[in-house]
Amino acid sequence: FTKELREEFKFIPYAPIVFLSALTKKRIHT
């Protein structure tokens, strides 16, 4: 999905990408 995001958002290649679950709070600390 990171690869897909980079393809779709070519105009912001510098944007960090964070994967998380807001509901369960998994990886929210990142």
PDB file of all heavy atoms in Angstrom:
ATOM      1  N   PHE A   1       0.820  -1.210   0.000  1.00  0.00           N
ATOM      2  CA  PHE A   1       0.000   0.000   0.000  1.00  0.00           C
ATOM      3  C   PHE A   1       0.857   1.265   0.000  1.00  0.00           C
ATOM      4  O   PHE A   1       0.455   2.283  -0.557  1.00  0.00           O
ATOM      5  CB  PHE A   1      -0.962   0.003   1.194  1.00  0.00           C
ATOM      6  CG  PHE A   1      -2.102   0.975   1.032  1.00  0.00           C
ATOM      7  CD1 PHE A   1      -2.996   0.841  -0.014  1.00  0.00           C
ATOM      8  CD2 PHE A   1      -2.282   2.016   1.931  1.00  0.00           C
ATOM      9  CE1 PHE A   1      -4.053   1.740  -0.168  1.00  0.00           C
ATOM     10  CE2 PHE A   1      -3.336   2.905   1.794  1.00  0.00           C
ATOM     11  CZ  PHE A   1      -4.224   2.770   0.728  1.00  0.00           C
ATOM     12  N   THR A   2       2.032   1.186   0.614  1.00  0.00           N
ATOM     13  CA  THR A   2       2.965   2.315   0.542  1.00  0.00           C
ATOM     14  C   THR A   2       3.343   2.592  -0.907  1.00  0.00           C
ATOM     15  O   THR A   2       3.386   3.752  -1.343  1.00  0.00           O
ATOM     16  CB  THR A   2       4.226   2.039   1.373  1.00  0.00           C
ATOM     17  OG1 THR A   2       3.879   1.913   2.755  1.00  0.00           O
ATOM     18  CG2 THR A   2       5.234   3.172   1.218  1.00  0.00           C
ATOM     19  N   LYS A   3       3.589   1.528  -1.662  1.00  0.00           N
ATOM     20  CA  LYS A   3       3.913   1.667  -3.085  1.00  0.00           C
ATOM     21  C   LYS A   3       2.754   2.316  -3.835  1.00  0.00           C
ATOM     22  O   LYS A   3       2.963   3.200  -4.677  1.00  0.00           O
ATOM     23  CB  LYS A   3       4.231   0.293  -3.686  1.00  0.00           C
ATOM     24  CG  LYS A   3       4.697   0.347  -5.138  1.00  0.00           C
ATOM     25  CD  LYS A   3       5.041  -1.045  -5.644  1.00  0.00           C
ATOM     26  CE  LYS A   3       5.500  -0.982  -7.102  1.00  0.00           C
ATOM     27  NZ  LYS A   3       5.820  -2.355  -7.620  1.00  0.00           N
ATOM     28  N   GLU A   4       1.529   1.900  -3.520  1.00  0.00           N
ATOM     29  CA  GLU A   4       0.349   2.473  -4.161  1.00  0.00           C
ATOM     30  C   GLU A   4       0.185   3.949  -3.793  1.00  0.00           C
ATOM     31  O   GLU A   4      -0.142   4.780  -4.652  1.00  0.00           O
ATOM     32  CB  GLU A   4      -0.894   1.682  -3.742  1.00  0.00           C
ATOM     33  CG  GLU A   4      -2.169   2.136  -4.447  1.00  0.00           C
ATOM     34  CD  GLU A   4      -3.380   1.310  -4.048  1.00  0.00           C
ATOM     35  OE1 GLU A   4      -3.205   0.216  -3.453  1.00  0.00           O
ATOM     36  OE2 GLU A   4      -4.514   1.771  -4.300  1.00  0.00           O
ATOM     37  N   LEU A   5       0.416   4.279  -2.520  1.00  0.00           N
ATOM     38  CA  LEU A   5       0.312   5.667  -2.080  1.00  0.00           C
ATOM     39  C   LEU A   5       1.324   6.550  -2.792  1.00  0.00           C
ATOM     40  O   LEU A   5       1.005   7.660  -3.230  1.00  0.00           O
ATOM     41  CB  LEU A   5       0.523   5.756  -0.567  1.00  0.00           C
ATOM     42  CG  LEU A   5      -0.643   5.305   0.320  1.00  0.00           C
ATOM     43  CD1 LEU A   5      -0.172   5.128   1.752  1.00  0.00           C
ATOM     44  CD2 LEU A   5      -1.787   6.308   0.269  1.00  0.00           C
ATOM     45  N   ARG A   6       2.552   6.079  -2.921  1.00  0.00           N
ATOM     46  CA  ARG A   6       3.587   6.861  -3.592  1.00  0.00           C
ATOM     47  C   ARG A   6       3.234   7.087  -5.054  1.00  0.00           C
ATOM     48  O   ARG A   6       3.564   8.141  -5.616  1.00  0.00           O
ATOM     49  CB  ARG A   6       4.941   6.166  -3.466  1.00  0.00           C
ATOM     50  CG  ARG A   6       5.499   6.106  -2.049  1.00  0.00           C
ATOM     51  CD  ARG A   6       5.623   7.477  -1.438  1.00  0.00           C
ATOM     52  NE  ARG A   6       6.254   7.450  -0.128  1.00  0.00           N
ATOM     53  CZ  ARG A   6       6.142   8.425   0.771  1.00  0.00           C
ATOM     54  NH1 ARG A   6       5.417   9.508   0.497  1.00  0.00           N
ATOM     55  NH2 ARG A   6       6.745   8.320   1.931  1.00  0.00           N
ATOM     56  N   GLU A   7       2.580   6.120  -5.653  1.00  0.00           N
ATOM     57  CA  GLU A   7       2.179   6.253  -7.050  1.00  0.00           C
ATOM     58  C   GLU A   7       1.055   7.278  -7.193  1.00  0.00           C
ATOM     59  O   GLU A   7       1.085   8.130  -8.096  1.00  0.00           O
ATOM     60  CB  GLU A   7       1.714   4.893  -7.592  1.00  0.00           C
ATOM     61  CG  GLU A   7       1.313   4.894  -9.066  1.00  0.00           C
ATOM     62  CD  GLU A   7       2.476   5.176 -10.000  1.00  0.00           C
ATOM     63  OE1 GLU A   7       3.637   4.895  -9.642  1.00  0.00           O
ATOM     64  OE2 GLU A   7       2.198   5.711 -11.121  1.00  0.00           O
ATOM     65  N   GLU A   8       0.056   7.223  -6.313  1.00  0.00           N
ATOM     66  CA  GLU A   8      -1.091   8.119  -6.392  1.00  0.00           C
ATOM     67  C   GLU A   8      -0.761   9.539  -5.930  1.00  0.00           C
ATOM     68  O   GLU A   8      -1.336  10.507  -6.408  1.00  0.00           O
ATOM     69  CB  GLU A   8      -2.248   7.568  -5.555  1.00  0.00           C
ATOM     70  CG  GLU A   8      -2.856   6.274  -6.091  1.00  0.00           C
ATOM     71  CD  GLU A   8      -3.603   6.477  -7.397  1.00  0.00           C
ATOM     72  OE1 GLU A   8      -4.067   7.606  -7.660  1.00  0.00           O
ATOM     73  OE2 GLU A   8      -3.713   5.506  -8.161  1.00  0.00           O
ATOM     74  N   PHE A   9       0.155   9.642  -4.969  1.00  0.00           N
ATOM     75  CA  PHE A   9       0.528  10.957  -4.427  1.00  0.00           C
ATOM     76  C   PHE A   9       1.945  11.328  -4.852  1.00  0.00           C
ATOM     77  O   PHE A   9       2.789  11.700  -4.036  1.00  0.00           O
ATOM     78  CB  PHE A   9       0.418  10.956  -2.902  1.00  0.00           C
ATOM     79  CG  PHE A   9      -0.989  10.860  -2.387  1.00  0.00           C
ATOM     80  CD1 PHE A   9      -1.536   9.632  -2.080  1.00  0.00           C
ATOM     81  CD2 PHE A   9      -1.767  11.992  -2.216  1.00  0.00           C
ATOM     82  CE1 PHE A   9      -2.836   9.530  -1.611  1.00  0.00           C
ATOM     83  CE2 PHE A   9      -3.067  11.911  -1.747  1.00  0.00           C
ATOM     84  CZ  PHE A   9      -3.608  10.667  -1.447  1.00  0.00           C
ATOM     85  N   LYS A  10       2.185  11.278  -6.169  1.00  0.00           N
ATOM     86  CA  LYS A  10       3.514  11.597  -6.701  1.00  0.00           C
ATOM     87  C   LYS A  10       3.936  13.028  -6.388  1.00  0.00           C
ATOM     88  O   LYS A  10       5.131  13.330  -6.338  1.00  0.00           O
ATOM     89  CB  LYS A  10       3.525  11.382  -8.214  1.00  0.00           C
ATOM     90  CG  LYS A  10       3.523   9.925  -8.642  1.00  0.00           C
ATOM     91  CD  LYS A  10       3.580   9.822 -10.154  1.00  0.00           C
ATOM     92  CE  LYS A  10       3.608   8.366 -10.603  1.00  0.00           C
ATOM     93  NZ  LYS A  10       3.655   8.238 -12.093  1.00  0.00           N
ATOM     94  N   PHE A  11       2.958  13.906  -6.184  1.00  0.00           N
ATOM     95  CA  PHE A  11       3.259  15.315  -5.949  1.00  0.00           C
ATOM     96  C   PHE A  11       3.732  15.592  -4.515  1.00  0.00           C
ATOM     97  O   PHE A  11       4.157  16.704  -4.213  1.00  0.00           O
ATOM     98  CB  PHE A  11       2.049  16.185  -6.295  1.00  0.00           C
ATOM     99  CG  PHE A  11       0.787  15.821  -5.563  1.00  0.00           C
ATOM    100  CD1 PHE A  11       0.399  16.517  -4.431  1.00  0.00           C
ATOM    101  CD2 PHE A  11      -0.017  14.800  -6.018  1.00  0.00           C
ATOM    102  CE1 PHE A  11      -0.765  16.206  -3.761  1.00  0.00           C
ATOM    103  CE2 PHE A  11      -1.197  14.465  -5.350  1.00  0.00           C
ATOM    104  CZ  PHE A  11      -1.568  15.165  -4.223  1.00  0.00           C
ATOM    105  N   ILE A  12       3.645  14.588  -3.628  1.00  0.00           N
ATOM    106  CA  ILE A  12       4.167  14.764  -2.271  1.00  0.00           C
ATOM    107  C   ILE A  12       5.031  13.549  -1.879  1.00  0.00           C
ATOM    108  O   ILE A  12       4.717  12.852  -0.895  1.00  0.00           O
ATOM    109  CB  ILE A  12       3.042  14.990  -1.225  1.00  0.00           C
ATOM    110  CG1 ILE A  12       1.897  13.976  -1.402  1.00  0.00           C
ATOM    111  CG2 ILE A  12       2.537  16.396  -1.303  1.00  0.00           C
ATOM    112  CD1 ILE A  12       0.869  14.040  -0.288  1.00  0.00           C
ATOM    113  N   PRO A  13       6.103  13.300  -2.603  1.00  0.00           N
ATOM    114  CA  PRO A  13       6.952  12.136  -2.287  1.00  0.00           C
ATOM    115  C   PRO A  13       7.639  12.253  -0.929  1.00  0.00           C
ATOM    116  O   PRO A  13       8.135  11.263  -0.396  1.00  0.00           O
ATOM    117  CB  PRO A  13       7.982  12.137  -3.428  1.00  0.00           C
ATOM    118  CG  PRO A  13       8.075  13.576  -3.845  1.00  0.00           C
ATOM    119  CD  PRO A  13       6.671  14.101  -3.705  1.00  0.00           C
ATOM    120  N   TYR A  14       7.674  13.462  -0.388  1.00  0.00           N
ATOM    121  CA  TYR A  14       8.338  13.726   0.890  1.00  0.00           C
ATOM    122  C   TYR A  14       7.441  13.504   2.107  1.00  0.00           C
ATOM    123  O   TYR A  14       7.889  13.645   3.237  1.00  0.00           O
ATOM    124  CB  TYR A  14       8.855  15.167   0.921  1.00  0.00           C
ATOM    125  CG  TYR A  14       7.790  16.192   0.555  1.00  0.00           C
ATOM    126  CD1 TYR A  14       6.853  16.638   1.471  1.00  0.00           C
ATOM    127  CD2 TYR A  14       7.721  16.694  -0.736  1.00  0.00           C
ATOM    128  CE1 TYR A  14       5.871  17.544   1.127  1.00  0.00           C
ATOM    129  CE2 TYR A  14       6.743  17.605  -1.106  1.00  0.00           C
ATOM    130  CZ  TYR A  14       5.822  18.034  -0.165  1.00  0.00           C
ATOM    131  OH  TYR A  14       4.856  18.936  -0.506  1.00  0.00           O
ATOM    132  N   ALA A  15       6.149  13.176   1.879  1.00  0.00           N
ATOM    133  CA  ALA A  15       5.207  13.028   2.989  1.00  0.00           C
ATOM    134  C   ALA A  15       5.442  11.716   3.728  1.00  0.00           C
ATOM    135  O   ALA A  15       5.424  10.645   3.108  1.00  0.00           O
ATOM    136  CB  ALA A  15       3.767  13.089   2.485  1.00  0.00           C
ATOM    137  N   PRO A  16       5.645  11.735   5.052  1.00  0.00           N
ATOM    138  CA  PRO A  16       5.741  10.487   5.813  1.00  0.00           C
ATOM    139  C   PRO A  16       4.412   9.731   5.759  1.00  0.00           C
ATOM    140  O   PRO A  16       3.344  10.344   5.649  1.00  0.00           O
ATOM    141  CB  PRO A  16       6.043  10.947   7.242  1.00  0.00           C
ATOM    142  CG  PRO A  16       6.430  12.388   7.136  1.00  0.00           C
ATOM    143  CD  PRO A  16       5.781  12.923   5.909  1.00  0.00           C
ATOM    144  N   ILE A  17       4.470   8.425   5.844  1.00  0.00           N
ATOM    145  CA  ILE A  17       3.274   7.589   5.844  1.00  0.00           C
ATOM    146  C   ILE A  17       3.232   6.798   7.147  1.00  0.00           C
ATOM    147  O   ILE A  17       4.198   6.119   7.500  1.00  0.00           O
ATOM    148  CB  ILE A  17       3.247   6.628   4.642  1.00  0.00           C
ATOM    149  CG1 ILE A  17       3.316   7.421   3.328  1.00  0.00           C
ATOM    150  CG2 ILE A  17       1.988   5.761   4.675  1.00  0.00           C
ATOM    151  CD1 ILE A  17       3.453   6.544   2.095  1.00  0.00           C
ATOM    152  N   VAL A  18       2.118   6.886   7.861  1.00  0.00           N
ATOM    153  CA  VAL A  18       1.954   6.196   9.131  1.00  0.00           C
ATOM    154  C   VAL A  18       0.748   5.270   9.036  1.00  0.00           C
ATOM    155  O   VAL A  18      -0.351   5.704   8.680  1.00  0.00           O
ATOM    156  CB  VAL A  18       1.760   7.193  10.296  1.00  0.00           C
ATOM    157  CG1 VAL A  18       1.493   6.443  11.603  1.00  0.00           C
ATOM    158  CG2 VAL A  18       2.988   8.096  10.443  1.00  0.00           C
ATOM    159  N   PHE A  19       0.942   4.002   9.347  1.00  0.00           N
ATOM    160  CA  PHE A  19      -0.135   3.016   9.383  1.00  0.00           C
ATOM    161  C   PHE A  19      -0.568   2.808  10.831  1.00  0.00           C
ATOM    162  O   PHE A  19       0.274   2.576  11.707  1.00  0.00           O
ATOM    163  CB  PHE A  19       0.312   1.680   8.782  1.00  0.00           C
ATOM    164  CG  PHE A  19       0.476   1.689   7.293  1.00  0.00           C
ATOM    165  CD1 PHE A  19       1.611   2.253   6.708  1.00  0.00           C
ATOM    166  CD2 PHE A  19      -0.492   1.134   6.469  1.00  0.00           C
ATOM    167  CE1 PHE A  19       1.766   2.261   5.323  1.00  0.00           C
ATOM    168  CE2 PHE A  19      -0.342   1.142   5.088  1.00  0.00           C
ATOM    169  CZ  PHE A  19       0.788   1.707   4.520  1.00  0.00           C
ATOM    170  N   LEU A  20      -1.884   2.870  11.081  1.00  0.00           N
ATOM    171  CA  LEU A  20      -2.373   2.705  12.439  1.00  0.00           C
ATOM    172  C   LEU A  20      -3.849   2.326  12.433  1.00  0.00           C
ATOM    173  O   LEU A  20      -4.504   2.300  11.385  1.00  0.00           O
ATOM    174  CB  LEU A  20      -2.159   3.991  13.265  1.00  0.00           C
ATOM    175  CG  LEU A  20      -2.685   5.317  12.703  1.00  0.00           C
ATOM    176  CD1 LEU A  20      -4.177   5.454  12.889  1.00  0.00           C
ATOM    177  CD2 LEU A  20      -1.987   6.489  13.389  1.00  0.00           C
ATOM    178  N   SER A  21      -4.350   2.060  13.607  1.00  0.00           N
ATOM    179  CA  SER A  21      -5.778   1.875  13.813  1.00  0.00           C
ATOM    180  C   SER A  21      -6.224   2.836  14.901  1.00  0.00           C
ATOM    181  O   SER A  21      -5.828   2.691  16.059  1.00  0.00           O
ATOM    182  CB  SER A  21      -6.106   0.432  14.217  1.00  0.00           C
ATOM    183  OG  SER A  21      -7.455   0.341  14.641  1.00  0.00           O
ATOM    184  N   ALA A  22      -7.022   3.815  14.523  1.00  0.00           N
ATOM    185  CA  ALA A  22      -7.491   4.787  15.500  1.00  0.00           C
ATOM    186  C   ALA A  22      -8.425   4.144  16.516  1.00  0.00           C
ATOM    187  O   ALA A  22      -8.439   4.509  17.689  1.00  0.00           O
ATOM    188  CB  ALA A  22      -8.196   5.938  14.779  1.00  0.00           C
ATOM    189  N   LEU A  23      -9.209   3.170  16.055  1.00  0.00           N
ATOM    190  CA  LEU A  23     -10.184   2.535  16.928  1.00  0.00           C
ATOM    191  C   LEU A  23      -9.531   1.679  18.003  1.00  0.00           C
ATOM    192  O   LEU A  23      -9.884   1.767  19.184  1.00  0.00           O
ATOM    193  CB  LEU A  23     -11.156   1.694  16.103  1.00  0.00           C
ATOM    194  CG  LEU A  23     -12.392   1.162  16.833  1.00  0.00           C
ATOM    195  CD1 LEU A  23     -13.251   2.322  17.335  1.00  0.00           C
ATOM    196  CD2 LEU A  23     -13.203   0.247  15.910  1.00  0.00           C
ATOM    197  N   THR A  24      -8.562   0.858  17.627  1.00  0.00           N
ATOM    198  CA  THR A  24      -7.887  -0.030  18.581  1.00  0.00           C
ATOM    199  C   THR A  24      -6.614   0.586  19.160  1.00  0.00           C
ATOM    200  O   THR A  24      -6.015   0.028  20.079  1.00  0.00           O
ATOM    201  CB  THR A  24      -7.526  -1.364  17.912  1.00  0.00           C
ATOM    202  OG1 THR A  24      -6.539  -1.133  16.886  1.00  0.00           O
ATOM    203  CG2 THR A  24      -8.763  -2.022  17.313  1.00  0.00           C
ATOM    204  N   LYS A  25      -6.189   1.734  18.593  1.00  0.00           N
ATOM    205  CA  LYS A  25      -4.984   2.463  19.009  1.00  0.00           C
ATOM    206  C   LYS A  25      -3.680   1.728  18.681  1.00  0.00           C
ATOM    207  O   LYS A  25      -2.628   2.076  19.215  1.00  0.00           O
ATOM    208  CB  LYS A  25      -5.028   2.804  20.504  1.00  0.00           C
ATOM    209  CG  LYS A  25      -6.173   3.711  20.889  1.00  0.00           C
ATOM    210  CD  LYS A  25      -6.121   4.085  22.358  1.00  0.00           C
ATOM    211  CE  LYS A  25      -7.341   4.896  22.750  1.00  0.00           C
ATOM    212  NZ  LYS A  25      -7.345   5.230  24.191  1.00  0.00           N
ATOM    213  N   LYS A  26      -3.752   0.718  17.824  1.00  0.00           N
ATOM    214  CA  LYS A  26      -2.534   0.046  17.401  1.00  0.00           C
ATOM    215  C   LYS A  26      -1.687   1.005  16.564  1.00  0.00           C
ATOM    216  O   LYS A  26      -2.182   1.646  15.656  1.00  0.00           O
ATOM    217  CB  LYS A  26      -2.871  -1.212  16.598  1.00  0.00           C
ATOM    218  CG  LYS A  26      -3.421  -2.350  17.442  1.00  0.00           C
ATOM    219  CD  LYS A  26      -3.664  -3.598  16.610  1.00  0.00           C
ATOM    220  CE  LYS A  26      -4.160  -4.746  17.482  1.00  0.00           C
ATOM    221  NZ  LYS A  26      -4.441  -5.961  16.669  1.00  0.00           N
ATOM    222  N   ARG A  27      -0.411   1.108  16.900  1.00  0.00           N
ATOM    223  CA  ARG A  27       0.576   1.960  16.232  1.00  0.00           C
ATOM    224  C   ARG A  27       0.267   3.447  16.375  1.00  0.00           C
ATOM    225  O   ARG A  27       0.907   4.254  15.718  1.00  0.00           O
ATOM    226  CB  ARG A  27       0.708   1.574  14.750  1.00  0.00           C
ATOM    227  CG  ARG A  27       1.272   0.180  14.511  1.00  0.00           C
ATOM    228  CD  ARG A  27       1.332  -0.144  13.016  1.00  0.00           C
ATOM    229  NE  ARG A  27       2.129   0.818  12.278  1.00  0.00           N
ATOM    230  CZ  ARG A  27       3.438   0.759  12.081  1.00  0.00           C
ATOM    231  NH1 ARG A  27       4.098  -0.275  12.602  1.00  0.00           N
ATOM    232  NH2 ARG A  27       4.077   1.667  11.386  1.00  0.00           N
ATOM    233  N   ILE A  28      -0.673   3.834  17.238  1.00  0.00           N
ATOM    234  CA  ILE A  28      -0.974   5.248  17.428  1.00  0.00           C
ATOM    235  C   ILE A  28       0.240   5.990  17.980  1.00  0.00           C
ATOM    236  O   ILE A  28       0.418   7.193  17.729  1.00  0.00           O
ATOM    237  CB  ILE A  28      -2.208   5.445  18.352  1.00  0.00           C
ATOM    238  CG1 ILE A  28      -2.687   6.911  18.333  1.00  0.00           C
ATOM    239  CG2 ILE A  28      -1.892   5.015  19.779  1.00  0.00           C
ATOM    240  CD1 ILE A  28      -3.321   7.323  17.044  1.00  0.00           C
ATOM    241  N   HIS A  29       1.089   5.273  18.693  1.00  0.00           N
ATOM    242  CA  HIS A  29       2.290   5.878  19.296  1.00  0.00           C
ATOM    243  C   HIS A  29       3.304   6.318  18.247  1.00  0.00           C
ATOM    244  O   HIS A  29       4.229   7.086  18.561  1.00  0.00           O
ATOM    245  CB  HIS A  29       2.955   4.872  20.256  1.00  0.00           C
ATOM    246  CG  HIS A  29       3.498   3.653  19.571  1.00  0.00           C
ATOM    247  ND1 HIS A  29       2.710   2.586  19.212  1.00  0.00           N
ATOM    248  CD2 HIS A  29       4.771   3.360  19.165  1.00  0.00           C
ATOM    249  CE1 HIS A  29       3.450   1.677  18.618  1.00  0.00           C
ATOM    250  NE2 HIS A  29       4.716   2.114  18.579  1.00  0.00           N
ATOM    251  N   THR A  30       3.160   5.841  16.990  1.00  0.00           N
ATOM    252  CA  THR A  30       4.118   6.199  15.941  1.00  0.00           C
ATOM    253  C   THR A  30       3.812   7.543  15.292  1.00  0.00           C
ATOM    254  O   THR A  30       4.640   8.079  14.556  1.00  0.00           O
ATOM    255  CB  THR A  30       4.147   5.113  14.842  1.00  0.00           C
ATOM    256  OG1 THR A  30       2.862   5.064  14.186  1.00  0.00           O
ATOM    257  CG2 THR A  30       4.450   3.744  15.436  1.00  0.00           C
TER     258      THR A  30
END
